[in-house]
N, C-alpha and C. Protein backbone atom coordinates (compact mmCIF):
# COMPACT_ATOMS: atom_id res chain seq x y z
N MET A 1 0.84 -1.18 0.00
CA MET A 1 0.00 0.00 0.00
C MET A 1 0.89 1.25 0.00
N ARG A 2 0.63 2.15 -0.87
CA ARG A 2 1.41 3.37 -1.00
C ARG A 2 0.85 4.44 -0.07
N LYS A 3 1.74 5.07 0.69
CA LYS A 3 1.30 6.16 1.56
C LYS A 3 1.09 7.41 0.73
N ARG A 4 0.03 8.11 1.04
CA ARG A 4 -0.20 9.36 0.33
C ARG A 4 0.64 10.46 0.96
N GLU A 5 1.07 11.39 0.16
CA GLU A 5 1.86 12.51 0.65
C GLU A 5 0.92 13.60 1.12
N VAL A 6 1.19 14.10 2.29
CA VAL A 6 0.37 15.16 2.86
C VAL A 6 1.28 16.31 3.26
N TYR A 7 0.96 17.48 2.80
CA TYR A 7 1.72 18.67 3.15
C TYR A 7 0.85 19.50 4.07
N THR A 8 1.28 19.61 5.31
CA THR A 8 0.48 20.29 6.32
C THR A 8 1.11 21.62 6.69
N ARG A 9 0.29 22.63 6.70
CA ARG A 9 0.73 23.94 7.16
C ARG A 9 -0.14 24.38 8.33
N GLU A 10 -0.82 23.45 8.91
CA GLU A 10 -1.76 23.76 9.98
C GLU A 10 -1.51 22.82 11.16
N ILE A 11 -1.36 23.40 12.32
CA ILE A 11 -1.26 22.63 13.56
C ILE A 11 -2.26 23.22 14.53
N THR A 12 -3.08 22.38 15.10
CA THR A 12 -4.08 22.83 16.06
C THR A 12 -3.52 22.67 17.47
N THR A 13 -3.77 23.65 18.32
CA THR A 13 -3.44 23.55 19.73
C THR A 13 -4.74 23.44 20.51
N CYS A 14 -4.84 22.39 21.33
CA CYS A 14 -6.04 22.15 22.13
C CYS A 14 -5.68 22.16 23.61
N TYR A 15 -6.43 22.92 24.37
CA TYR A 15 -6.30 22.94 25.82
C TYR A 15 -7.46 22.15 26.37
N LEU A 16 -7.21 20.89 26.70
CA LEU A 16 -8.27 20.00 27.16
C LEU A 16 -8.69 20.35 28.58
N ARG A 17 -10.00 20.39 28.77
CA ARG A 17 -10.55 20.61 30.11
C ARG A 17 -11.37 19.42 30.57
N SER A 18 -11.80 18.59 29.60
CA SER A 18 -12.58 17.40 29.96
C SER A 18 -12.43 16.35 28.85
N LEU A 19 -12.82 15.13 29.18
CA LEU A 19 -12.73 14.02 28.22
C LEU A 19 -13.64 14.22 27.01
N LYS A 20 -14.70 14.98 27.14
CA LYS A 20 -15.65 15.12 26.04
C LYS A 20 -15.05 15.78 24.80
N HIS A 21 -13.90 16.43 24.96
CA HIS A 21 -13.26 17.10 23.81
C HIS A 21 -12.25 16.22 23.08
N THR A 22 -11.97 15.02 23.61
CA THR A 22 -10.97 14.17 22.96
C THR A 22 -11.37 13.68 21.57
N PRO A 23 -12.66 13.44 21.28
CA PRO A 23 -13.01 13.05 19.90
C PRO A 23 -12.63 14.11 18.86
N HIS A 24 -12.67 15.38 19.24
CA HIS A 24 -12.28 16.46 18.32
C HIS A 24 -10.81 16.29 17.92
N ILE A 25 -9.97 15.96 18.89
CA ILE A 25 -8.55 15.74 18.62
C ILE A 25 -8.37 14.51 17.73
N ALA A 26 -9.11 13.46 18.03
CA ALA A 26 -9.05 12.24 17.21
C ALA A 26 -9.43 12.54 15.76
N ASP A 27 -10.46 13.35 15.57
CA ASP A 27 -10.89 13.71 14.21
C ASP A 27 -9.80 14.48 13.47
N ARG A 28 -9.11 15.37 14.16
CA ARG A 28 -8.03 16.13 13.52
C ARG A 28 -6.91 15.17 13.08
N LEU A 29 -6.53 14.26 13.98
CA LEU A 29 -5.49 13.29 13.64
C LEU A 29 -5.91 12.42 12.46
N LYS A 30 -7.16 11.95 12.46
CA LYS A 30 -7.64 11.10 11.37
C LYS A 30 -7.69 11.87 10.06
N SER A 31 -7.74 13.20 10.13
CA SER A 31 -7.70 14.03 8.93
C SER A 31 -6.26 14.39 8.55
N ALA A 32 -5.29 13.70 9.15
CA ALA A 32 -3.86 13.87 8.86
C ALA A 32 -3.32 15.23 9.29
N LEU A 33 -3.86 15.77 10.39
CA LEU A 33 -3.40 17.05 10.90
C LEU A 33 -2.74 16.88 12.27
N PRO A 34 -1.57 17.46 12.48
CA PRO A 34 -0.91 17.40 13.78
C PRO A 34 -1.69 18.21 14.82
N VAL A 35 -1.59 17.79 16.08
CA VAL A 35 -2.30 18.47 17.16
C VAL A 35 -1.37 18.58 18.37
N ILE A 36 -1.29 19.78 18.93
CA ILE A 36 -0.61 19.99 20.20
C ILE A 36 -1.69 19.96 21.27
N VAL A 37 -1.50 19.11 22.28
CA VAL A 37 -2.51 18.93 23.33
C VAL A 37 -1.91 19.31 24.68
N ASN A 38 -2.59 20.23 25.36
CA ASN A 38 -2.20 20.61 26.70
C ASN A 38 -3.27 20.10 27.65
N VAL A 39 -2.87 19.28 28.63
CA VAL A 39 -3.82 18.68 29.56
C VAL A 39 -3.71 19.28 30.96
N ALA A 40 -3.01 20.40 31.11
CA ALA A 40 -2.78 21.01 32.42
C ALA A 40 -4.07 21.40 33.13
N GLU A 41 -5.10 21.76 32.37
CA GLU A 41 -6.35 22.22 32.98
C GLU A 41 -7.35 21.09 33.22
N MET A 42 -6.96 19.86 32.90
CA MET A 42 -7.85 18.71 33.12
C MET A 42 -7.73 18.24 34.56
N PRO A 43 -8.82 17.67 35.08
CA PRO A 43 -8.69 16.99 36.37
C PRO A 43 -7.64 15.88 36.24
N GLU A 44 -6.81 15.75 37.23
CA GLU A 44 -5.68 14.82 37.15
C GLU A 44 -6.11 13.39 36.83
N GLU A 45 -7.25 12.96 37.36
CA GLU A 45 -7.70 11.59 37.13
C GLU A 45 -8.13 11.35 35.68
N GLU A 46 -8.43 12.41 34.93
CA GLU A 46 -8.85 12.26 33.54
C GLU A 46 -7.68 12.38 32.55
N ARG A 47 -6.57 12.93 32.98
CA ARG A 47 -5.43 13.14 32.08
C ARG A 47 -4.96 11.85 31.44
N THR A 48 -4.78 10.82 32.26
CA THR A 48 -4.29 9.55 31.73
C THR A 48 -5.27 8.96 30.73
N GLN A 49 -6.56 9.04 31.03
CA GLN A 49 -7.57 8.52 30.10
C GLN A 49 -7.51 9.26 28.77
N ALA A 50 -7.41 10.57 28.82
CA ALA A 50 -7.37 11.37 27.59
C ALA A 50 -6.13 11.03 26.77
N LEU A 51 -4.99 10.97 27.42
CA LEU A 51 -3.74 10.68 26.69
C LEU A 51 -3.73 9.26 26.16
N ASP A 52 -4.30 8.31 26.90
CA ASP A 52 -4.40 6.94 26.40
C ASP A 52 -5.27 6.88 25.14
N PHE A 53 -6.39 7.58 25.17
CA PHE A 53 -7.30 7.59 24.02
C PHE A 53 -6.63 8.20 22.79
N ILE A 54 -6.03 9.38 22.96
CA ILE A 54 -5.43 10.08 21.83
C ILE A 54 -4.21 9.32 21.29
N SER A 55 -3.40 8.76 22.19
CA SER A 55 -2.24 7.99 21.71
C SER A 55 -2.69 6.72 21.00
N GLY A 56 -3.82 6.15 21.41
CA GLY A 56 -4.38 4.99 20.72
C GLY A 56 -4.82 5.34 19.31
N VAL A 57 -5.42 6.50 19.15
CA VAL A 57 -5.81 6.96 17.82
C VAL A 57 -4.56 7.18 16.96
N ALA A 58 -3.55 7.81 17.53
CA ALA A 58 -2.30 8.04 16.79
C ALA A 58 -1.70 6.70 16.35
N TYR A 59 -1.70 5.73 17.23
CA TYR A 59 -1.16 4.40 16.88
C TYR A 59 -1.97 3.77 15.75
N ALA A 60 -3.28 3.88 15.83
CA ALA A 60 -4.16 3.26 14.83
C ALA A 60 -3.94 3.83 13.43
N ILE A 61 -3.49 5.07 13.34
CA ILE A 61 -3.27 5.69 12.02
C ILE A 61 -1.78 5.77 11.69
N ASP A 62 -0.98 4.92 12.36
CA ASP A 62 0.48 4.89 12.16
C ASP A 62 1.14 6.21 12.51
N GLY A 63 0.55 6.95 13.43
CA GLY A 63 1.12 8.21 13.88
C GLY A 63 2.02 8.01 15.08
N SER A 64 2.39 9.12 15.69
CA SER A 64 3.24 9.06 16.88
C SER A 64 3.00 10.30 17.72
N TYR A 65 3.67 10.34 18.86
CA TYR A 65 3.55 11.52 19.72
C TYR A 65 4.80 11.67 20.56
N ASP A 66 4.95 12.87 21.12
CA ASP A 66 6.08 13.16 21.99
C ASP A 66 5.65 14.22 22.99
N GLN A 67 6.18 14.14 24.19
CA GLN A 67 5.92 15.17 25.18
C GLN A 67 6.84 16.34 24.87
N VAL A 68 6.26 17.52 24.71
CA VAL A 68 7.04 18.70 24.32
C VAL A 68 7.12 19.74 25.43
N GLY A 69 6.46 19.48 26.54
CA GLY A 69 6.48 20.40 27.68
C GLY A 69 5.72 19.79 28.83
N ASP A 70 5.65 20.53 29.94
CA ASP A 70 4.86 20.06 31.07
C ASP A 70 3.40 19.95 30.67
N ASN A 71 2.87 18.75 30.74
CA ASN A 71 1.46 18.49 30.40
C ASN A 71 1.12 18.85 28.96
N THR A 72 2.12 18.91 28.08
CA THR A 72 1.90 19.27 26.68
C THR A 72 2.51 18.21 25.77
N PHE A 73 1.71 17.76 24.79
CA PHE A 73 2.11 16.67 23.91
C PHE A 73 1.82 17.05 22.46
N LEU A 74 2.68 16.59 21.57
CA LEU A 74 2.48 16.77 20.13
C LEU A 74 2.11 15.41 19.55
N PHE A 75 0.93 15.32 18.95
CA PHE A 75 0.45 14.11 18.28
C PHE A 75 0.47 14.37 16.79
N VAL A 76 1.03 13.43 16.03
CA VAL A 76 1.12 13.62 14.58
C VAL A 76 0.63 12.37 13.86
N PRO A 77 0.05 12.55 12.68
CA PRO A 77 -0.35 11.39 11.86
C PRO A 77 0.89 10.73 11.25
N GLY A 78 0.69 9.60 10.62
CA GLY A 78 1.79 8.86 10.02
C GLY A 78 2.52 9.60 8.93
N SER A 79 1.90 10.61 8.35
CA SER A 79 2.53 11.38 7.28
C SER A 79 3.55 12.39 7.79
N VAL A 80 3.64 12.54 9.11
CA VAL A 80 4.58 13.47 9.73
C VAL A 80 5.59 12.67 10.54
N ILE A 81 6.85 12.96 10.37
CA ILE A 81 7.91 12.25 11.09
C ILE A 81 8.45 13.15 12.19
N LEU A 82 8.45 12.63 13.42
CA LEU A 82 9.05 13.35 14.53
C LEU A 82 10.51 12.94 14.64
N LEU A 83 11.40 13.91 14.61
CA LEU A 83 12.82 13.63 14.73
C LEU A 83 13.29 14.01 16.13
N ASP A 84 14.15 13.19 16.70
CA ASP A 84 14.70 13.43 18.02
C ASP A 84 16.00 14.20 17.88
N ASP A 85 16.21 15.21 18.71
CA ASP A 85 17.44 16.00 18.67
C ASP A 85 18.68 15.21 19.03
N ASP A 86 18.51 14.17 19.82
CA ASP A 86 19.67 13.41 20.31
C ASP A 86 20.39 12.68 19.24
């Protein structure tokens, strides 16, 4: 199967406050768009659930993610490659 080339000039930043907003992030990822997610304003008990859900979506679409700050994560679809500085 050939991967389609996607050129993205758009990155969405989402400040999650509750689990009900996680499907919006999943939809962005499924549309091949990177998303920066900040979970600092979420109740602590919901943070893990939200990150598990979003990382599962990223995995399902051959994407990946990385923590880029305190409570802040970058999720990308498979068409975007995250490079490590190290």
